Amino acid sequence: MIHENELEVQRMYKISQVNIRELYRHIDLDAKGFCTIHDYYKFFESSYCDPLPVSTEEIQHLFKRHDKHRQGRVTERDLLVEL
């Protein structure tokens, strides 16, 4: 239990250091106002050299967490609320 609490504190600290709006702009490269699962894949592929530090299943899980309305798209607000 202590380990989980420490990890949550680290997560919250790291998230506070990220400009979420800027991150969103890097995912929504087409500036269409929403991101799809394909945008997430492109973001991770362009941000990391091979091999990816996460699997496609992990990217799908992350997208599903952000896509609370299950519309197949994530808005900047969705991302802000989730993080």
C-alpha atoms as a PDB file:
ATOM      1  CA  MET A   1       0.000   0.000   0.000  1.00  0.00           C
ATOM      2  CA  ILE A   2       2.814   2.432   0.807  1.00  0.00           C
ATOM      3  CA  HIS A   3       4.401   1.752  -2.566  1.00  0.00           C
ATOM      4  CA  GLU A   4       1.131   2.608  -4.349  1.00  0.00           C
ATOM      5  CA  ASN A   5       0.840   5.870  -2.430  1.00  0.00           C
ATOM      6  CA  GLU A   6       4.414   6.834  -3.317  1.00  0.00           C
ATOM      7  CA  LEU A   7       3.760   6.099  -6.977  1.00  0.00           C
ATOM      8  CA  GLU A   8       0.609   8.234  -6.939  1.00  0.00           C
ATOM      9  CA  VAL A   9       2.513  11.149  -5.388  1.00  0.00           C
ATOM     10  CA  GLN A  10       5.192  10.817  -8.088  1.00  0.00           C
ATOM     11  CA  ARG A  11       2.528  10.670 -10.809  1.00  0.00           C
ATOM     12  CA  MET A  12       0.810  13.806  -9.533  1.00  0.00           C
ATOM     13  CA  TYR A  13       4.131  15.661  -9.324  1.00  0.00           C
ATOM     14  CA  LYS A  14       5.123  14.666 -12.863  1.00  0.00           C
ATOM     15  CA  ILE A  15       1.727  15.611 -14.283  1.00  0.00           C
ATOM     16  CA  SER A  16       1.967  19.024 -12.640  1.00  0.00           C
ATOM     17  CA  GLN A  17       5.207  19.586 -14.582  1.00  0.00           C
ATOM     18  CA  VAL A  18       3.562  18.916 -17.959  1.00  0.00           C
ATOM     19  CA  ASN A  19       1.874  21.585 -20.050  1.00  0.00           C
ATOM     20  CA  ILE A  20      -1.200  19.538 -20.957  1.00  0.00           C
ATOM     21  CA  ARG A  21      -2.434  21.985 -23.582  1.00  0.00           C
ATOM     22  CA  GLU A  22       0.935  21.813 -25.344  1.00  0.00           C
ATOM     23  CA  LEU A  23       0.910  18.025 -25.079  1.00  0.00           C
ATOM     24  CA  TYR A  24      -2.541  17.961 -26.636  1.00  0.00           C
ATOM     25  CA  ARG A  25      -1.356  20.086 -29.564  1.00  0.00           C
ATOM     26  CA  HIS A  26       1.411  17.542 -30.187  1.00  0.00           C
ATOM     27  CA  ILE A  27      -1.146  14.731 -30.334  1.00  0.00           C
ATOM     28  CA  ASP A  28      -3.728  16.658 -32.410  1.00  0.00           C
ATOM     29  CA  LEU A  29      -1.289  17.554 -35.184  1.00  0.00           C
ATOM     30  CA  ASP A  30      -4.103  18.185 -37.679  1.00  0.00           C
ATOM     31  CA  ALA A  31      -5.644  20.748 -35.267  1.00  0.00           C
ATOM     32  CA  LYS A  32      -9.084  19.253 -35.840  1.00  0.00           C
ATOM     33  CA  GLY A  33     -10.130  19.752 -32.195  1.00  0.00           C
ATOM     34  CA  PHE A  34     -10.101  16.092 -31.231  1.00  0.00           C
ATOM     35  CA  CYS A  35      -7.723  13.151 -31.243  1.00  0.00           C
ATOM     36  CA  THR A  36      -8.359   9.629 -32.448  1.00  0.00           C
ATOM     37  CA  ILE A  37      -6.600   6.406 -31.555  1.00  0.00           C
ATOM     38  CA  HIS A  38      -4.552   6.851 -34.747  1.00  0.00           C
ATOM     39  CA  ASP A  39      -3.372  10.254 -33.505  1.00  0.00           C
ATOM     40  CA  TYR A  40      -2.226   8.577 -30.294  1.00  0.00           C
ATOM     41  CA  TYR A  41      -0.310   5.948 -32.269  1.00  0.00           C
ATOM     42  CA  LYS A  42       1.331   8.629 -34.433  1.00  0.00           C
ATOM     43  CA  PHE A  43       2.244  10.655 -31.351  1.00  0.00           C
ATOM     44  CA  PHE A  44       3.996   7.743 -29.675  1.00  0.00           C
ATOM     45  CA  GLU A  45       5.682   6.635 -32.895  1.00  0.00           C
ATOM     46  CA  SER A  46       7.011  10.128 -33.575  1.00  0.00           C
ATOM     47  CA  SER A  47       8.014  10.802 -29.972  1.00  0.00           C
ATOM     48  CA  TYR A  48      10.034   7.655 -29.351  1.00  0.00           C
ATOM     49  CA  CYS A  49      12.651   5.734 -31.249  1.00  0.00           C
ATOM     50  CA  ASP A  50      12.176   2.012 -31.758  1.00  0.00           C
ATOM     51  CA  PRO A  51      11.202   0.139 -29.779  1.00  0.00           C
ATOM     52  CA  LEU A  52       8.272   1.971 -28.272  1.00  0.00           C
ATOM     53  CA  PRO A  53       8.341   2.055 -24.467  1.00  0.00           C
ATOM     54  CA  VAL A  54       4.670   1.054 -24.490  1.00  0.00           C
ATOM     55  CA  SER A  55       2.726  -1.568 -26.380  1.00  0.00           C
ATOM     56  CA  THR A  56      -0.150  -0.902 -28.746  1.00  0.00           C
ATOM     57  CA  GLU A  57      -2.434  -2.428 -26.108  1.00  0.00           C
ATOM     58  CA  GLU A  58      -1.201   0.111 -23.563  1.00  0.00           C
ATOM     59  CA  ILE A  59      -1.827   2.956 -26.017  1.00  0.00           C
ATOM     60  CA  GLN A  60      -5.341   1.618 -26.617  1.00  0.00           C
ATOM     61  CA  HIS A  61      -5.936   1.437 -22.861  1.00  0.00           C
ATOM     62  CA  LEU A  62      -4.707   4.997 -22.430  1.00  0.00           C
ATOM     63  CA  PHE A  63      -6.964   6.225 -25.227  1.00  0.00           C
ATOM     64  CA  LYS A  64      -9.966   4.446 -23.713  1.00  0.00           C
ATOM     65  CA  ARG A  65      -9.264   6.101 -20.349  1.00  0.00           C
ATOM     66  CA  HIS A  66      -9.251   9.519 -22.018  1.00  0.00           C
ATOM     67  CA  ASP A  67     -12.288   8.764 -24.230  1.00  0.00           C
ATOM     68  CA  LYS A  68     -14.807   8.781 -21.374  1.00  0.00           C
ATOM     69  CA  HIS A  69     -17.781   9.315 -23.711  1.00  0.00           C
ATOM     70  CA  ARG A  70     -16.758   6.368 -25.929  1.00  0.00           C
ATOM     71  CA  GLN A  71     -17.049   8.426 -29.108  1.00  0.00           C
ATOM     72  CA  GLY A  72     -13.697   7.405 -30.555  1.00  0.00           C
ATOM     73  CA  ARG A  73     -12.286  10.880 -29.976  1.00  0.00           C
ATOM     74  CA  VAL A  74     -10.598  12.788 -27.184  1.00  0.00           C
ATOM     75  CA  THR A  75     -10.892  16.547 -26.838  1.00  0.00           C
ATOM     76  CA  GLU A  76      -8.464  18.799 -25.030  1.00  0.00           C
ATOM     77  CA  ARG A  77     -11.002  19.109 -22.217  1.00  0.00           C
ATOM     78  CA  ASP A  78     -11.258  15.317 -21.947  1.00  0.00           C
ATOM     79  CA  LEU A  79      -7.496  15.130 -21.531  1.00  0.00           C
ATOM     80  CA  LEU A  80      -7.424  17.959 -18.988  1.00  0.00           C
ATOM     81  CA  VAL A  81     -10.147  16.309 -16.906  1.00  0.00           C
ATOM     82  CA  GLU A  82      -8.512  12.887 -17.018  1.00  0.00           C
ATOM     83  CA  LEU A  83      -5.061  14.106 -16.077  1.00  0.00           C
END
